[in-house]
Amino acid sequence: MKHIKLLTFLLILFVGFNIDSFAQETLPPVTVASVNYKYLRSVYDNNAAQPVKLLEHRAASYDVKESEYYDDEYEGYSISFYLPNGQVLATYDKEGKLLRTAERFKNVKLPTAVRTALTNKYPNWSLTKDIYLVNFYVDNDARKLYKLVLENGNKRIRVKSNEAGEFIEK
């Protein structure tokens, strides 16, 4: 029994090394360079809705130099990215660095922290509309804001919250 386990272990070890060696010989080298890592680091939120993540990823990975409108004489470019419930207006320099964004999304899934804060502070109210706004500037942290419309019978209120569920007074 010990011999079978030892043989199995050696076989797995031998096959594993051969597969690794084979894979390293056949795959071309990959170079990953992110010009817009500051943007991604500033706006990324694991709890964000899928459309938000999708458009932010598009904005971060957009290559100005590959655009048909690229001309190295221009100092900057404004590019818009759209989905039915969201949009990102991004400004890039001529090297492709993302300088700033203005992002707006309608009726996206709220992060758990915001939903929990809403149910705790407004227990008998229902959410009827939400707008998620993100403003990014290259040398500052991103500003993220949820504008929410709540209803209770024929009463209606508007509240603002950050992504941590902290309410912002006017």
Protein backbone atom coordinates (compact mmCIF):
# COMPACT_ATOMS: atom_id res chain seq x y z
CA MET A 1 0.00 0.00 0.00
CA LYS A 2 2.87 2.37 0.87
CA HIS A 3 4.52 1.53 -2.43
CA ILE A 4 1.36 2.40 -4.38
CA LYS A 5 1.08 5.77 -2.64
CA LEU A 6 4.76 6.46 -3.26
CA LEU A 7 4.49 5.50 -6.93
CA THR A 8 1.36 7.62 -7.36
CA PHE A 9 3.07 10.60 -5.74
CA LEU A 10 6.15 10.22 -7.94
CA LEU A 11 3.98 9.86 -11.06
CA ILE A 12 2.04 13.03 -10.23
CA LEU A 13 5.25 14.87 -9.47
CA PHE A 14 6.88 13.74 -12.72
CA VAL A 15 3.82 14.53 -14.89
CA GLY A 16 3.37 17.90 -13.16
CA PHE A 17 6.93 18.99 -13.93
CA ASN A 18 6.60 17.91 -17.54
CA ILE A 19 3.34 19.82 -18.00
CA ASP A 20 4.85 22.95 -16.44
CA SER A 21 7.91 22.69 -18.66
CA PHE A 22 5.78 22.15 -21.74
CA ALA A 23 3.52 25.11 -20.94
CA GLN A 24 6.45 27.42 -20.40
CA GLU A 25 7.97 26.47 -23.74
CA THR A 26 4.82 26.94 -25.84
CA LEU A 27 3.25 30.10 -24.38
CA PRO A 28 4.42 33.46 -25.72
CA PRO A 29 5.65 36.02 -23.19
CA VAL A 30 3.00 38.39 -21.85
CA THR A 31 3.67 41.95 -20.79
CA VAL A 32 1.02 43.60 -18.64
CA ALA A 33 1.17 47.34 -18.29
CA SER A 34 -1.59 49.43 -16.84
CA VAL A 35 -1.36 53.11 -17.55
CA ASN A 36 -4.53 53.73 -15.55
CA TYR A 37 -3.84 51.75 -12.39
CA LYS A 38 -4.46 54.83 -10.21
CA TYR A 39 -7.96 55.10 -11.61
CA LEU A 40 -8.70 51.43 -11.03
CA ARG A 41 -7.29 51.55 -7.51
CA SER A 42 -9.34 54.64 -6.69
CA VAL A 43 -12.73 53.59 -8.09
CA TYR A 44 -12.69 49.82 -7.71
CA ASP A 45 -15.32 48.48 -5.36
CA ASN A 46 -15.87 44.74 -5.14
CA ASN A 47 -19.48 45.38 -4.06
CA ALA A 48 -20.28 47.63 -7.02
CA ALA A 49 -22.97 46.60 -9.49
CA GLN A 50 -21.90 44.70 -12.61
CA PRO A 51 -22.62 47.57 -15.09
CA VAL A 52 -20.45 49.87 -12.98
CA LYS A 53 -17.54 47.43 -13.02
CA LEU A 54 -17.94 46.87 -16.76
CA LEU A 55 -17.83 50.54 -17.77
CA GLU A 56 -15.04 51.36 -15.35
CA HIS A 57 -12.98 48.50 -16.77
CA ARG A 58 -13.64 49.77 -20.32
CA ALA A 59 -12.54 53.27 -19.37
CA ALA A 60 -9.37 51.97 -17.70
CA SER A 61 -8.40 49.71 -20.59
CA TYR A 62 -9.24 52.12 -23.42
CA ASP A 63 -6.20 52.85 -25.60
CA VAL A 64 -6.35 56.39 -26.98
CA LYS A 65 -3.43 55.72 -29.31
CA GLU A 66 -5.40 52.95 -31.06
CA SER A 67 -8.36 55.27 -31.72
CA GLU A 68 -9.06 56.31 -35.29
CA TYR A 69 -9.18 59.92 -34.06
CA TYR A 70 -5.77 59.85 -32.41
CA ASP A 71 -3.36 62.60 -33.42
CA ASP A 72 -0.31 63.30 -31.29
CA GLU A 73 -0.84 67.04 -31.80
CA TYR A 74 -3.89 67.00 -29.50
CA GLU A 75 -3.23 67.36 -25.77
CA GLY A 76 -6.29 65.43 -24.58
CA TYR A 77 -9.29 63.35 -25.52
CA SER A 78 -12.77 63.04 -24.03
CA ILE A 79 -14.31 59.62 -24.58
CA SER A 80 -17.80 58.48 -23.54
CA PHE A 81 -18.76 54.94 -22.62
CA TYR A 82 -22.45 54.01 -22.45
CA LEU A 83 -24.77 51.28 -21.26
CA PRO A 84 -28.55 51.60 -20.98
CA ASN A 85 -28.34 52.40 -17.27
CA GLY A 86 -24.97 54.12 -17.05
CA GLN A 87 -22.32 56.25 -18.65
CA VAL A 88 -18.72 57.25 -18.07
CA LEU A 89 -17.19 60.39 -19.55
CA ALA A 90 -13.41 59.98 -19.39
CA THR A 91 -10.65 62.46 -20.21
CA TYR A 92 -7.24 61.13 -21.30
CA ASP A 93 -3.98 62.87 -22.07
CA LYS A 94 -2.18 62.21 -25.37
CA GLU A 95 -0.22 59.34 -23.77
CA GLY A 96 -3.44 57.54 -22.80
CA LYS A 97 -3.34 58.34 -19.09
CA LEU A 98 -6.81 58.71 -17.59
CA LEU A 99 -6.99 62.18 -16.02
CA ARG A 100 -10.59 62.38 -14.79
CA THR A 101 -14.00 60.78 -15.09
CA ALA A 102 -17.60 61.74 -14.49
CA GLU A 103 -19.70 58.63 -14.03
CA ARG A 104 -23.47 58.26 -13.64
CA PHE A 105 -25.48 55.08 -13.21
CA LYS A 106 -29.23 54.71 -12.71
CA ASN A 107 -31.00 52.10 -10.61
CA VAL A 108 -28.02 49.85 -9.93
CA LYS A 109 -27.86 47.26 -7.20
CA LEU A 110 -26.83 49.02 -4.01
CA PRO A 111 -23.91 47.75 -1.93
CA THR A 112 -24.85 45.79 1.18
CA ALA A 113 -23.66 48.59 3.48
CA VAL A 114 -26.00 51.12 1.81
CA ARG A 115 -28.98 48.73 1.82
CA THR A 116 -28.43 47.91 5.49
CA ALA A 117 -28.13 51.57 6.44
CA LEU A 118 -31.35 52.35 4.56
CA THR A 119 -33.37 49.63 6.25
CA ASN A 120 -32.04 50.63 9.68
CA LYS A 121 -32.63 54.37 9.33
CA TYR A 122 -35.79 54.24 7.15
CA PRO A 123 -37.49 50.94 8.07
CA ASN A 124 -40.93 51.65 6.54
CA TRP A 125 -39.67 53.35 3.39
CA SER A 126 -39.16 51.78 -0.01
CA LEU A 127 -36.46 52.69 -2.49
CA THR A 128 -37.95 53.95 -5.76
CA LYS A 129 -34.93 55.37 -7.53
CA ASP A 130 -31.17 55.51 -7.13
CA ILE A 131 -28.38 57.28 -8.96
CA TYR A 132 -24.75 56.37 -8.37
CA LEU A 133 -22.22 59.11 -9.14
CA VAL A 134 -18.44 58.76 -9.29
CA ASN A 135 -15.98 61.58 -9.90
CA PHE A 136 -12.32 60.73 -10.34
CA TYR A 137 -9.41 63.16 -10.62
CA VAL A 138 -5.92 61.78 -11.18
CA ASP A 139 -4.34 63.34 -8.08
CA ASN A 140 -7.29 62.82 -5.70
CA ASP A 141 -9.35 59.96 -4.39
CA ALA A 142 -12.55 59.18 -6.25
CA ARG A 143 -15.74 60.68 -4.84
CA LYS A 144 -18.60 58.17 -4.78
CA LEU A 145 -22.16 59.17 -3.98
CA TYR A 146 -25.56 57.47 -4.01
CA LYS A 147 -28.59 59.72 -4.48
CA LEU A 148 -31.66 57.84 -3.32
CA VAL A 149 -35.39 58.52 -3.55
CA LEU A 150 -37.49 56.85 -0.85
CA GLU A 151 -41.28 56.62 -0.58
CA ASN A 152 -43.63 55.84 2.29
CA GLY A 153 -47.23 56.05 1.20
CA ASN A 154 -47.54 59.44 -0.47
CA LYS A 155 -44.46 60.84 1.28
CA ARG A 156 -41.23 61.11 -0.66
CA ILE A 157 -37.74 62.00 0.55
CA ARG A 158 -34.32 62.25 -1.05
CA VAL A 159 -31.20 61.11 0.77
CA LYS A 160 -27.52 60.84 -0.09
CA SER A 161 -25.09 58.17 1.02
CA ASN A 162 -21.51 57.19 0.39
CA GLU A 163 -20.54 53.60 -0.48
CA ALA A 164 -20.03 52.76 3.21
CA GLY A 165 -23.68 53.54 4.00
CA GLU A 166 -22.96 56.82 5.79
CA PHE A 167 -25.65 59.39 5.13
CA ILE A 168 -24.59 62.81 3.90
CA GLU A 169 -26.56 65.76 5.19
CA LYS A 170 -27.21 68.62 2.83
